Amino acid sequence: MSKPDFRVPPLPDDLRAQNVFVNLDGDYGYLGDGYYKSMEAEHEGQVALPSPQEAIDAYVVPLALVKAEAAGIAVPPWEIANDTATSFQPPFVAYPVNPFQSTGQVVADQAGIEEAFRSLTMTGKYAMVVQDMQPDSRVDTLRLVLGQCLKPEYRELAEELWRCFRLPLARVKIIVTEKQYLFSAIEPLEKEELTQNEKTIIKEAGLWRA
């Protein structure tokens, strides 16, 4: 099977250009305010960051994993399950795949499996994504603003994620191992949550609007 080709266009050279709309809503979930802002901009002929399709892709964990891998970003071994029959043993990370939940859970041991699966699948009604973790790994959260992260060690990864997903504001979960960073999932990072240093990134880019 050939690898999927998402054909992500290059980022605009100038984010302040008249035909570019940088959506700083931070929550681009389907049919939310941020999603509609990008849709309106696209209908007006502007380059929307993110586009409505990119917004949808980013928050669907299985799709985001495939998209990241296609872009050359490392991801953990993963599978889709709808019950406790998974090929991975704890520890692992599990994310819901349903329209009512978004936050994942780290399942550290056998005792937590049944409860996590019951919660994330809504008692078997929906599937979930299970990602393998090495025993010595951990989950970290990156707060990305226009492809920048205030944690210096993640600078290169932050730029790769910006080029791949084109989300101006994003909270990204990664699995940190001794050898590499593995992309795990993307969650909203709303403008109202930004720290002063994160707001400075937007101001220096000439995009801040009170």
N, C-alpha and C. Protein backbone atom coordinates (compact mmCIF):
# COMPACT_ATOMS: atom_id res chain seq x y z
N MET A 1 0.84 -1.19 0.00
CA MET A 1 0.00 0.00 0.00
C MET A 1 0.88 1.25 0.00
N SER A 2 0.60 2.18 -0.89
CA SER A 2 1.39 3.40 -0.97
C SER A 2 1.04 4.33 0.18
N LYS A 3 2.01 5.16 0.56
CA LYS A 3 1.79 6.09 1.64
C LYS A 3 0.83 7.19 1.19
N PRO A 4 -0.04 7.65 2.08
CA PRO A 4 -0.96 8.72 1.70
C PRO A 4 -0.20 10.01 1.43
N ASP A 5 -0.73 10.78 0.48
CA ASP A 5 -0.11 12.05 0.11
C ASP A 5 -1.08 13.17 0.47
N PHE A 6 -0.79 13.90 1.54
CA PHE A 6 -1.68 14.96 1.99
C PHE A 6 -1.44 16.27 1.24
N ARG A 7 -0.33 16.36 0.50
CA ARG A 7 -0.04 17.54 -0.31
C ARG A 7 -0.24 18.83 0.48
N VAL A 8 0.46 18.93 1.58
CA VAL A 8 0.38 20.14 2.41
C VAL A 8 1.10 21.28 1.69
N PRO A 9 0.42 22.37 1.39
CA PRO A 9 1.07 23.48 0.69
C PRO A 9 2.08 24.17 1.60
N PRO A 10 3.08 24.82 1.02
CA PRO A 10 4.04 25.54 1.86
C PRO A 10 3.38 26.70 2.58
N LEU A 11 3.91 27.04 3.73
CA LEU A 11 3.38 28.19 4.47
C LEU A 11 3.64 29.48 3.69
N PRO A 12 2.77 30.45 3.80
CA PRO A 12 2.99 31.74 3.12
C PRO A 12 4.29 32.38 3.58
N ASP A 13 4.96 33.06 2.66
CA ASP A 13 6.20 33.75 3.00
C ASP A 13 5.96 34.88 3.99
N ASP A 14 4.81 35.53 3.86
CA ASP A 14 4.49 36.67 4.73
C ASP A 14 3.12 36.44 5.37
N LEU A 15 3.11 36.17 6.67
CA LEU A 15 1.84 35.91 7.35
C LEU A 15 0.98 37.17 7.46
N ARG A 16 1.58 38.32 7.21
CA ARG A 16 0.84 39.58 7.30
C ARG A 16 0.27 40.02 5.96
N ALA A 17 0.48 39.21 4.93
CA ALA A 17 -0.01 39.57 3.59
C ALA A 17 -1.54 39.68 3.60
N GLN A 18 -2.04 40.51 2.72
CA GLN A 18 -3.48 40.81 2.70
C GLN A 18 -4.33 39.57 2.41
N ASN A 19 -3.78 38.65 1.63
CA ASN A 19 -4.56 37.46 1.25
C ASN A 19 -4.39 36.30 2.21
N VAL A 20 -3.74 36.54 3.36
CA VAL A 20 -3.50 35.48 4.35
C VAL A 20 -4.31 35.76 5.61
N PHE A 21 -5.03 34.75 6.07
CA PHE A 21 -5.79 34.87 7.32
C PHE A 21 -5.21 33.90 8.34
N VAL A 22 -4.55 34.45 9.35
CA VAL A 22 -4.00 33.63 10.43
C VAL A 22 -5.04 33.56 11.55
N ASN A 23 -5.63 32.41 11.71
CA ASN A 23 -6.73 32.23 12.65
C ASN A 23 -6.16 31.98 14.05
N LEU A 24 -6.30 32.97 14.91
CA LEU A 24 -5.76 32.88 16.27
C LEU A 24 -6.82 32.47 17.29
N ASP A 25 -7.91 31.88 16.83
CA ASP A 25 -8.94 31.43 17.76
C ASP A 25 -8.39 30.36 18.69
N GLY A 26 -7.61 29.45 18.13
CA GLY A 26 -6.96 28.42 18.94
C GLY A 26 -7.73 27.14 19.11
N ASP A 27 -9.05 27.20 19.00
CA ASP A 27 -9.88 26.00 19.00
C ASP A 27 -10.55 25.94 17.64
N TYR A 28 -10.09 25.00 16.82
CA TYR A 28 -10.57 24.91 15.44
C TYR A 28 -11.51 23.73 15.24
N GLY A 29 -12.12 23.27 16.33
CA GLY A 29 -13.00 22.12 16.25
C GLY A 29 -14.16 22.32 15.29
N TYR A 30 -14.60 21.23 14.70
CA TYR A 30 -15.65 21.25 13.67
C TYR A 30 -16.90 21.98 14.15
N LEU A 31 -17.33 22.95 13.35
CA LEU A 31 -18.53 23.77 13.57
C LEU A 31 -18.41 24.73 14.76
N GLY A 32 -17.21 24.88 15.30
CA GLY A 32 -16.99 25.88 16.34
C GLY A 32 -16.66 27.23 15.72
N ASP A 33 -16.50 28.24 16.55
CA ASP A 33 -16.21 29.59 16.05
C ASP A 33 -14.93 29.63 15.23
N GLY A 34 -13.88 28.97 15.73
CA GLY A 34 -12.62 28.97 15.00
C GLY A 34 -12.73 28.32 13.64
N TYR A 35 -13.47 27.23 13.57
CA TYR A 35 -13.69 26.53 12.30
C TYR A 35 -14.41 27.46 11.31
N TYR A 36 -15.45 28.13 11.78
CA TYR A 36 -16.21 29.00 10.89
C TYR A 36 -15.40 30.20 10.42
N LYS A 37 -14.49 30.71 11.27
CA LYS A 37 -13.64 31.83 10.86
C LYS A 37 -12.76 31.42 9.69
N SER A 38 -12.19 30.23 9.75
CA SER A 38 -11.37 29.75 8.65
C SER A 38 -12.21 29.50 7.41
N MET A 39 -13.41 28.98 7.59
CA MET A 39 -14.29 28.73 6.45
C MET A 39 -14.66 30.05 5.75
N GLU A 40 -14.99 31.06 6.53
CA GLU A 40 -15.35 32.36 5.95
C GLU A 40 -14.17 32.97 5.19
N ALA A 41 -12.98 32.86 5.76
CA ALA A 41 -11.79 33.40 5.10
C ALA A 41 -11.52 32.68 3.78
N GLU A 42 -11.67 31.37 3.79
CA GLU A 42 -11.44 30.60 2.57
C GLU A 42 -12.48 30.95 1.51
N HIS A 43 -13.71 31.15 1.92
CA HIS A 43 -14.76 31.53 0.96
C HIS A 43 -14.49 32.91 0.36
N GLU A 44 -13.78 33.75 1.08
CA GLU A 44 -13.43 35.08 0.59
C GLU A 44 -12.17 35.07 -0.25
N GLY A 45 -11.62 33.89 -0.50
CA GLY A 45 -10.45 33.77 -1.35
C GLY A 45 -9.13 33.92 -0.64
N GLN A 46 -9.13 33.94 0.68
CA GLN A 46 -7.89 34.07 1.42
C GLN A 46 -7.26 32.70 1.70
N VAL A 47 -5.97 32.72 1.99
CA VAL A 47 -5.29 31.52 2.46
C VAL A 47 -5.51 31.45 3.96
N ALA A 48 -6.32 30.50 4.39
CA ALA A 48 -6.66 30.38 5.81
C ALA A 48 -5.70 29.42 6.49
N LEU A 49 -5.17 29.86 7.62
CA LEU A 49 -4.32 29.01 8.47
C LEU A 49 -4.99 28.82 9.81
N PRO A 50 -5.56 27.62 10.08
CA PRO A 50 -5.64 26.48 9.18
C PRO A 50 -6.84 26.60 8.25
N SER A 51 -6.81 25.82 7.16
CA SER A 51 -8.01 25.70 6.34
C SER A 51 -9.03 24.86 7.11
N PRO A 52 -10.31 24.90 6.73
CA PRO A 52 -11.30 24.05 7.43
C PRO A 52 -10.92 22.57 7.40
N GLN A 53 -10.39 22.09 6.27
CA GLN A 53 -10.01 20.68 6.20
C GLN A 53 -8.84 20.37 7.11
N GLU A 54 -7.87 21.28 7.17
CA GLU A 54 -6.73 21.07 8.06
C GLU A 54 -7.18 21.06 9.52
N ALA A 55 -8.16 21.88 9.84
CA ALA A 55 -8.68 21.91 11.21
C ALA A 55 -9.30 20.57 11.58
N ILE A 56 -10.06 19.99 10.66
CA ILE A 56 -10.68 18.70 10.92
C ILE A 56 -9.63 17.61 11.07
N ASP A 57 -8.64 17.61 10.17
CA ASP A 57 -7.61 16.58 10.20
C ASP A 57 -6.84 16.57 11.52
N ALA A 58 -6.57 17.76 12.05
CA ALA A 58 -5.65 17.87 13.19
C ALA A 58 -6.18 17.20 14.44
N TYR A 59 -7.47 17.28 14.69
CA TYR A 59 -8.02 16.80 15.96
C TYR A 59 -8.49 15.34 15.93
N VAL A 60 -8.48 14.71 14.76
CA VAL A 60 -8.83 13.30 14.66
C VAL A 60 -7.54 12.51 14.80
N VAL A 61 -7.33 11.90 15.94
CA VAL A 61 -6.02 11.35 16.28
C VAL A 61 -5.49 10.36 15.23
N PRO A 62 -6.26 9.38 14.76
CA PRO A 62 -5.69 8.46 13.76
C PRO A 62 -5.27 9.19 12.48
N LEU A 63 -6.07 10.13 12.04
CA LEU A 63 -5.74 10.88 10.83
C LEU A 63 -4.50 11.75 11.05
N ALA A 64 -4.41 12.38 12.22
CA ALA A 64 -3.25 13.22 12.52
C ALA A 64 -1.97 12.38 12.57
N LEU A 65 -2.05 11.17 13.11
CA LEU A 65 -0.89 10.30 13.16
C LEU A 65 -0.40 9.94 11.76
N VAL A 66 -1.34 9.61 10.88
CA VAL A 66 -0.97 9.26 9.50
C VAL A 66 -0.39 10.46 8.78
N LYS A 67 -1.00 11.62 9.00
CA LYS A 67 -0.52 12.85 8.35
C LYS A 67 0.88 13.20 8.84
N ALA A 68 1.12 13.09 10.14
CA ALA A 68 2.44 13.39 10.68
C ALA A 68 3.49 12.43 10.12
N GLU A 69 3.16 11.16 10.09
CA GLU A 69 4.11 10.18 9.59
C GLU A 69 4.42 10.42 8.12
N ALA A 70 3.41 10.79 7.34
CA ALA A 70 3.63 11.08 5.92
C ALA A 70 4.55 12.27 5.73
N ALA A 71 4.58 13.17 6.73
CA ALA A 71 5.44 14.35 6.66
C ALA A 71 6.83 14.07 7.23
N GLY A 72 7.09 12.85 7.64
CA GLY A 72 8.40 12.50 8.17
C GLY A 72 8.56 12.73 9.65
N ILE A 73 7.46 12.97 10.37
CA ILE A 73 7.49 13.17 11.82
C ILE A 73 7.30 11.81 12.50
N ALA A 74 8.16 11.50 13.44
CA ALA A 74 8.09 10.19 14.11
C ALA A 74 6.82 10.07 14.95
N VAL A 75 6.19 8.90 14.88
CA VAL A 75 5.00 8.62 15.68
C VAL A 75 5.20 7.27 16.38
N PRO A 76 4.49 7.02 17.47
CA PRO A 76 4.63 5.73 18.17
C PRO A 76 3.87 4.63 17.43
N PRO A 77 4.17 3.37 17.70
CA PRO A 77 3.32 2.29 17.21
C PRO A 77 1.91 2.49 17.77
N TRP A 78 0.88 2.29 16.92
CA TRP A 78 -0.48 2.56 17.38
C TRP A 78 -1.46 1.64 16.68
N GLU A 79 -2.65 1.54 17.25
CA GLU A 79 -3.73 0.76 16.66
C GLU A 79 -5.07 1.30 17.14
N ILE A 80 -6.12 0.92 16.45
CA ILE A 80 -7.48 1.30 16.84
C ILE A 80 -8.14 0.10 17.49
N ALA A 81 -8.78 0.34 18.63
CA ALA A 81 -9.44 -0.74 19.37
C ALA A 81 -10.78 -0.24 19.89
N ASN A 82 -11.69 -1.15 20.17
CA ASN A 82 -12.96 -0.76 20.79
C ASN A 82 -13.28 -1.61 22.02
N ASP A 83 -12.28 -2.36 22.49
CA ASP A 83 -12.44 -3.11 23.73
C ASP A 83 -11.05 -3.30 24.33
N THR A 84 -10.95 -4.11 25.36
CA THR A 84 -9.67 -4.27 26.05
C THR A 84 -8.70 -5.17 25.30
N ALA A 85 -9.10 -5.69 24.14
CA ALA A 85 -8.22 -6.57 23.37
C ALA A 85 -7.27 -5.71 22.52
N THR A 86 -6.16 -5.32 23.09
CA THR A 86 -5.15 -4.57 22.36
C THR A 86 -3.83 -5.32 22.42
N SER A 87 -3.02 -5.15 21.40
CA SER A 87 -1.75 -5.86 21.37
C SER A 87 -0.68 -5.21 22.23
N PHE A 88 -0.97 -4.02 22.77
CA PHE A 88 -0.01 -3.31 23.59
C PHE A 88 -0.26 -3.57 25.08
N GLN A 89 0.82 -3.73 25.80
CA GLN A 89 0.74 -3.86 27.25
C GLN A 89 1.08 -2.52 27.88
N PRO A 90 0.52 -2.22 29.05
CA PRO A 90 0.86 -0.95 29.72
C PRO A 90 2.37 -0.87 29.96
N PRO A 91 2.91 0.37 29.92
CA PRO A 91 2.16 1.62 29.77
C PRO A 91 1.84 1.92 28.30
N PHE A 92 0.69 2.56 28.08
CA PHE A 92 0.34 3.06 26.75
C PHE A 92 -0.55 4.28 26.91
N VAL A 93 -0.71 5.02 25.82
CA VAL A 93 -1.59 6.18 25.80
C VAL A 93 -2.81 5.82 24.98
N ALA A 94 -3.98 6.19 25.47
CA ALA A 94 -5.22 5.92 24.75
C ALA A 94 -6.01 7.20 24.57
N TYR A 95 -6.55 7.38 23.36
CA TYR A 95 -7.36 8.56 23.03
C TYR A 95 -8.73 8.13 22.52
N PRO A 96 -9.76 8.87 22.86
CA PRO A 96 -11.08 8.55 22.34
C PRO A 96 -11.21 8.95 20.87
N VAL A 97 -12.06 8.25 20.15
CA VAL A 97 -12.41 8.62 18.78
C VAL A 97 -13.93 8.74 18.73
N ASN A 98 -14.43 9.82 19.27
CA ASN A 98 -15.86 10.08 19.25
C ASN A 98 -16.08 11.59 19.35
N PRO A 99 -17.26 12.07 19.02
CA PRO A 99 -17.49 13.52 18.97
C PRO A 99 -17.69 14.18 20.33
N PHE A 100 -17.62 13.42 21.42
CA PHE A 100 -17.94 13.96 22.73
C PHE A 100 -16.73 14.09 23.66
N GLN A 101 -15.60 13.49 23.29
CA GLN A 101 -14.41 13.51 24.13
C GLN A 101 -13.19 13.82 23.28
N SER A 102 -12.15 14.33 23.92
CA SER A 102 -10.91 14.59 23.19
C SER A 102 -9.67 14.25 24.00
N THR A 103 -9.75 14.30 25.30
CA THR A 103 -8.58 14.12 26.15
C THR A 103 -8.22 12.65 26.32
N GLY A 104 -6.95 12.35 26.12
CA GLY A 104 -6.49 10.98 26.27
C GLY A 104 -6.05 10.66 27.69
N GLN A 105 -5.66 9.42 27.89
CA GLN A 105 -5.23 8.95 29.21
C GLN A 105 -3.98 8.08 29.06
N VAL A 106 -3.09 8.18 30.02
CA VAL A 106 -1.97 7.25 30.12
C VAL A 106 -2.40 6.09 31.00
N VAL A 107 -2.35 4.90 30.46
CA VAL A 107 -2.69 3.70 31.22
C VAL A 107 -1.37 3.09 31.69
N ALA A 108 -1.13 3.19 32.98
CA ALA A 108 0.18 2.83 33.52
C ALA A 108 0.33 1.35 33.84
N ASP A 109 -0.80 0.67 34.14
CA ASP A 109 -0.70 -0.73 34.54
C ASP A 109 -1.99 -1.47 34.19
N GLN A 110 -1.99 -2.76 34.41
CA GLN A 110 -3.13 -3.60 34.06
C GLN A 110 -4.39 -3.18 34.81
N ALA A 111 -4.22 -2.70 36.02
CA ALA A 111 -5.38 -2.34 36.84
C ALA A 111 -6.19 -1.20 36.21
N GLY A 112 -5.54 -0.35 35.41
CA GLY A 112 -6.24 0.80 34.85
C GLY A 112 -6.85 0.55 33.50
N ILE A 113 -6.63 -0.61 32.91
CA ILE A 113 -7.07 -0.85 31.53
C ILE A 113 -8.59 -0.82 31.40
N GLU A 114 -9.27 -1.61 32.21
CA GLU A 114 -10.72 -1.75 32.04
C GLU A 114 -11.45 -0.41 32.22
N GLU A 115 -11.08 0.35 33.23
CA GLU A 115 -11.74 1.63 33.47
C GLU A 115 -11.45 2.62 32.36
N ALA A 116 -10.21 2.66 31.90
CA ALA A 116 -9.85 3.58 30.82
C ALA A 116 -10.62 3.24 29.54
N PHE A 117 -10.69 1.97 29.21
CA PHE A 117 -11.41 1.56 28.01
C PHE A 117 -12.90 1.87 28.13
N ARG A 118 -13.47 1.63 29.31
CA ARG A 118 -14.89 1.91 29.49
C ARG A 118 -15.18 3.40 29.29
N SER A 119 -14.30 4.23 29.84
CA SER A 119 -14.50 5.67 29.74
C SER A 119 -14.27 6.19 28.32
N LEU A 120 -13.18 5.78 27.70
CA LEU A 120 -12.81 6.34 26.40
C LEU A 120 -13.67 5.83 25.25
N THR A 121 -14.21 4.62 25.37
CA THR A 121 -15.08 4.09 24.32
C THR A 121 -16.56 4.30 24.62
N MET A 122 -16.84 4.96 25.76
CA MET A 122 -18.22 5.13 26.22
C MET A 122 -18.92 3.77 26.25
N THR A 123 -18.28 2.86 26.99
CA THR A 123 -18.77 1.49 27.19
C THR A 123 -18.94 0.76 25.87
N GLY A 124 -17.93 0.88 25.02
CA GLY A 124 -17.91 0.11 23.78
C GLY A 124 -18.65 0.72 22.61
N LYS A 125 -19.20 1.91 22.77
CA LYS A 125 -19.96 2.53 21.67
C LYS A 125 -19.06 3.08 20.58
N TYR A 126 -17.84 3.48 20.96
CA TYR A 126 -16.93 4.09 20.00
C TYR A 126 -15.55 3.43 20.09
N ALA A 127 -14.75 3.69 19.08
CA ALA A 127 -13.39 3.16 19.06
C ALA A 127 -12.46 4.11 19.80
N MET A 128 -11.24 3.67 19.99
CA MET A 128 -10.23 4.53 20.57
C MET A 128 -8.89 4.18 19.93
N VAL A 129 -7.93 5.09 20.09
CA VAL A 129 -6.59 4.89 19.56
C VAL A 129 -5.67 4.55 20.72
N VAL A 130 -4.91 3.49 20.56
CA VAL A 130 -3.96 3.05 21.59
C VAL A 130 -2.55 3.22 21.04
N GLN A 131 -1.69 3.93 21.78
CA GLN A 131 -0.32 4.17 21.36
C GLN A 131 0.65 3.54 22.35
N ASP A 132 1.60 2.80 21.83
CA ASP A 132 2.57 2.11 22.68
C ASP A 132 3.53 3.10 23.32
N MET A 133 3.91 2.84 24.56
CA MET A 133 4.92 3.61 25.26
C MET A 133 5.99 2.66 25.81
N GLN A 134 7.23 3.07 25.70
CA GLN A 134 8.29 2.31 26.33
C GLN A 134 8.26 2.58 27.84
N PRO A 135 8.66 1.62 28.67
CA PRO A 135 8.59 1.81 30.13
C PRO A 135 9.33 3.05 30.63
N ASP A 136 10.38 3.46 29.92
CA ASP A 136 11.16 4.61 30.38
C ASP A 136 10.75 5.91 29.70
N SER A 137 9.62 5.91 29.01
CA SER A 137 9.17 7.11 28.29
C SER A 137 8.15 7.88 29.13
N ARG A 138 7.83 9.09 28.67
CA ARG A 138 6.84 9.92 29.35
C ARG A 138 6.09 10.74 28.31
N VAL A 139 4.96 11.31 28.71
CA VAL A 139 4.18 12.18 27.84
C VAL A 139 4.44 13.62 28.23
N ASP A 140 4.75 14.45 27.26
CA ASP A 140 4.96 15.87 27.50
C ASP A 140 3.99 16.66 26.63
N THR A 141 3.77 17.92 27.00
CA THR A 141 2.86 18.78 26.26
C THR A 141 3.61 19.98 25.72
N LEU A 142 3.49 20.21 24.41
CA LEU A 142 4.08 21.37 23.78
C LEU A 142 2.98 22.39 23.51
N ARG A 143 3.26 23.63 23.85
CA ARG A 143 2.36 24.73 23.53
C ARG A 143 2.98 25.47 22.35
N LEU A 144 2.33 25.37 21.20
CA LEU A 144 2.90 25.91 19.98
C LEU A 144 2.19 27.20 19.56
N VAL A 145 2.96 28.23 19.27
CA VAL A 145 2.45 29.51 18.81
C VAL A 145 3.20 29.88 17.54
N LEU A 146 2.50 29.84 16.41
CA LEU A 146 3.09 30.15 15.10
C LEU A 146 4.37 29.33 14.87
N GLY A 147 4.31 28.06 15.25
CA GLY A 147 5.43 27.17 15.03
C GLY A 147 6.57 27.33 16.01
N GLN A 148 6.35 28.07 17.07
CA GLN A 148 7.39 28.24 18.08
C GLN A 148 6.93 27.65 19.42
N CYS A 149 7.91 27.14 20.16
CA CYS A 149 7.65 26.58 21.48
C CYS A 149 8.66 27.19 22.44
N LEU A 150 8.22 27.58 23.61
CA LEU A 150 9.10 28.22 24.58
C LEU A 150 10.06 27.24 25.24
N LYS A 151 9.89 25.95 24.99
CA LYS A 151 10.86 24.95 25.46
C LYS A 151 11.89 24.76 24.36
N PRO A 152 13.12 25.23 24.55
CA PRO A 152 14.12 25.23 23.47
C PRO A 152 14.38 23.86 22.85
N GLU A 153 14.29 22.80 23.63
CA GLU A 153 14.60 21.47 23.11
C GLU A 153 13.61 21.00 22.04
N TYR A 154 12.46 21.67 21.97
CA TYR A 154 11.45 21.26 21.00
C TYR A 154 11.37 22.20 19.79
N ARG A 155 12.35 23.07 19.61
CA ARG A 155 12.29 24.07 18.55
C ARG A 155 12.11 23.44 17.17
N GLU A 156 12.94 22.46 16.84
CA GLU A 156 12.87 21.84 15.52
C GLU A 156 11.56 21.11 15.32
N LEU A 157 11.12 20.35 16.32
CA LEU A 157 9.86 19.62 16.21
C LEU A 157 8.70 20.59 16.05
N ALA A 158 8.71 21.70 16.78
CA ALA A 158 7.65 22.69 16.68
C ALA A 158 7.53 23.23 15.26
N GLU A 159 8.66 23.48 14.63
CA GLU A 159 8.65 23.98 13.25
C GLU A 159 8.08 22.93 12.30
N GLU A 160 8.44 21.67 12.50
CA GLU A 160 7.93 20.59 11.65
C GLU A 160 6.42 20.45 11.79
N LEU A 161 5.93 20.56 13.02
CA LEU A 161 4.49 20.44 13.27
C LEU A 161 3.73 21.62 12.66
N TRP A 162 4.32 22.79 12.69
CA TRP A 162 3.71 23.98 12.08
C TRP A 162 3.58 23.80 10.57
N ARG A 163 4.63 23.31 9.94
CA ARG A 163 4.58 23.10 8.49
C ARG A 163 3.59 21.99 8.11
N CYS A 164 3.46 20.99 8.97
CA CYS A 164 2.59 19.86 8.67
C CYS A 164 1.11 20.19 8.89
N PHE A 165 0.80 20.74 10.06
CA PHE A 165 -0.60 20.93 10.43
C PHE A 165 -1.11 22.36 10.23
N ARG A 166 -0.22 23.34 10.20
CA ARG A 166 -0.56 24.72 9.90
C ARG A 166 -1.59 25.30 10.89
N LEU A 167 -1.47 24.89 12.16
CA LEU A 167 -2.32 25.44 13.22
C LEU A 167 -1.54 26.53 13.95
N PRO A 168 -1.99 27.78 13.89
CA PRO A 168 -1.26 28.87 14.57
C PRO A 168 -1.11 28.65 16.07
N LEU A 169 -2.14 28.10 16.70
CA LEU A 169 -2.08 27.81 18.14
C LEU A 169 -2.44 26.34 18.33
N ALA A 170 -1.63 25.64 19.09
CA ALA A 170 -1.89 24.21 19.30
C ALA A 170 -1.23 23.72 20.57
N ARG A 171 -1.92 22.79 21.22
CA ARG A 171 -1.35 22.06 22.36
C ARG A 171 -1.08 20.64 21.84
N VAL A 172 0.18 20.27 21.80
CA VAL A 172 0.57 19.00 21.19
C VAL A 172 1.11 18.04 22.24
N LYS A 173 0.57 16.84 22.23
CA LYS A 173 1.06 15.79 23.12
C LYS A 173 2.14 14.99 22.39
N ILE A 174 3.26 14.76 23.06
CA ILE A 174 4.31 13.94 22.50
C ILE A 174 4.76 12.91 23.52
N ILE A 175 5.24 11.79 23.01
CA ILE A 175 5.84 10.77 23.85
C ILE A 175 7.36 10.95 23.76
N VAL A 176 7.97 11.16 24.91
CA VAL A 176 9.41 11.40 24.97
C VAL A 176 10.11 10.11 25.38
N THR A 177 10.99 9.62 24.53
CA THR A 177 11.80 8.45 24.85
C THR A 177 13.26 8.90 25.02
N GLU A 178 14.13 7.97 25.33
CA GLU A 178 15.54 8.31 25.48
C GLU A 178 16.15 8.78 24.16
N LYS A 179 15.57 8.32 23.03
CA LYS A 179 16.19 8.58 21.73
C LYS A 179 15.45 9.59 20.87
N GLN A 180 14.13 9.78 21.07
CA GLN A 180 13.40 10.64 20.15
C GLN A 180 12.10 11.16 20.75
N TYR A 181 11.51 12.11 20.04
CA TYR A 181 10.19 12.65 20.36
C TYR A 181 9.19 12.05 19.38
N LEU A 182 8.09 11.52 19.89
CA LEU A 182 7.07 10.89 19.05
C LEU A 182 5.77 11.69 19.13
N PHE A 183 5.29 12.13 17.98
CA PHE A 183 4.03 12.86 17.95
C PHE A 183 2.90 11.96 18.42
N SER A 184 2.02 12.50 19.28
CA SER A 184 0.95 11.69 19.85
C SER A 184 -0.44 12.22 19.48
N ALA A 185 -0.70 13.52 19.70
CA ALA A 185 -2.03 14.07 19.42
C ALA A 185 -1.98 15.59 19.51
N ILE A 186 -3.02 16.22 18.97
CA ILE A 186 -3.16 17.68 19.02
C ILE A 186 -4.47 18.04 19.71
N GLU A 187 -4.39 19.02 20.59
CA GLU A 187 -5.58 19.54 21.28
C GLU A 187 -5.61 21.06 21.13
N PRO A 188 -6.75 21.69 21.35
CA PRO A 188 -6.84 23.15 21.22
C PRO A 188 -5.98 23.89 22.24
N LEU A 189 -5.51 25.05 21.85
CA LEU A 189 -4.85 26.01 22.74
C LEU A 189 -5.47 27.36 22.42
N GLU A 190 -6.41 27.78 23.24
CA GLU A 190 -7.16 28.99 22.93
C GLU A 190 -6.35 30.24 23.23
N LYS A 191 -6.65 31.29 22.47
CA LYS A 191 -5.91 32.55 22.60
C LYS A 191 -5.94 33.08 24.03
N GLU A 192 -7.06 32.89 24.71
CA GLU A 192 -7.21 33.38 26.08
C GLU A 192 -6.29 32.67 27.07
N GLU A 193 -5.76 31.53 26.68
CA GLU A 193 -4.88 30.75 27.56
C GLU A 193 -3.41 31.15 27.44
N LEU A 194 -3.06 31.99 26.48
CA LEU A 194 -1.67 32.28 26.20
C LEU A 194 -1.01 33.06 27.34
N THR A 195 0.24 32.73 27.57
CA THR A 195 1.03 33.48 28.54
C THR A 195 1.54 34.76 27.88
N GLN A 196 2.11 35.65 28.69
CA GLN A 196 2.64 36.89 28.13
C GLN A 196 3.76 36.62 27.13
N ASN A 197 4.61 35.67 27.42
CA ASN A 197 5.69 35.33 26.50
C ASN A 197 5.16 34.76 25.19
N GLU A 198 4.08 34.00 25.26
CA GLU A 198 3.48 33.45 24.05
C GLU A 198 2.79 34.55 23.24
N LYS A 199 2.17 35.49 23.93
CA LYS A 199 1.58 36.63 23.23
C LYS A 199 2.64 37.46 22.53
N THR A 200 3.83 37.53 23.12
CA THR A 200 4.93 38.28 22.52
C THR A 200 5.31 37.71 21.16
N ILE A 201 5.25 36.40 21.01
CA ILE A 201 5.55 35.76 19.72
C ILE A 201 4.60 36.30 18.65
N ILE A 202 3.33 36.42 19.00
CA ILE A 202 2.34 36.91 18.03
C ILE A 202 2.57 38.39 17.75
N LYS A 203 2.88 39.15 18.79
CA LYS A 203 3.12 40.58 18.61
C LYS A 203 4.34 40.83 17.73
N GLU A 204 5.40 40.06 17.94
CA GLU A 204 6.61 40.22 17.13
C GLU A 204 6.37 39.83 15.68
N ALA A 205 5.40 38.94 15.44
CA ALA A 205 5.05 38.57 14.07
C ALA A 205 4.14 39.60 13.41
N GLY A 206 3.72 40.60 14.19
CA GLY A 206 2.84 41.64 13.67
C GLY A 206 1.41 41.20 13.49
N LEU A 207 0.98 40.21 14.28
CA LEU A 207 -0.35 39.65 14.11
C LEU A 207 -1.26 39.85 15.31
N TRP A 208 -0.75 40.47 16.36
CA TRP A 208 -1.57 40.59 17.56
C TRP A 208 -2.69 41.60 17.40
N ARG A 209 -3.89 41.17 17.79
CA ARG A 209 -5.04 42.05 17.82
C ARG A 209 -5.68 41.92 19.19
N ALA A 210 -5.85 43.01 19.89
CA ALA A 210 -6.40 42.96 21.26
C ALA A 210 -7.83 42.47 21.25
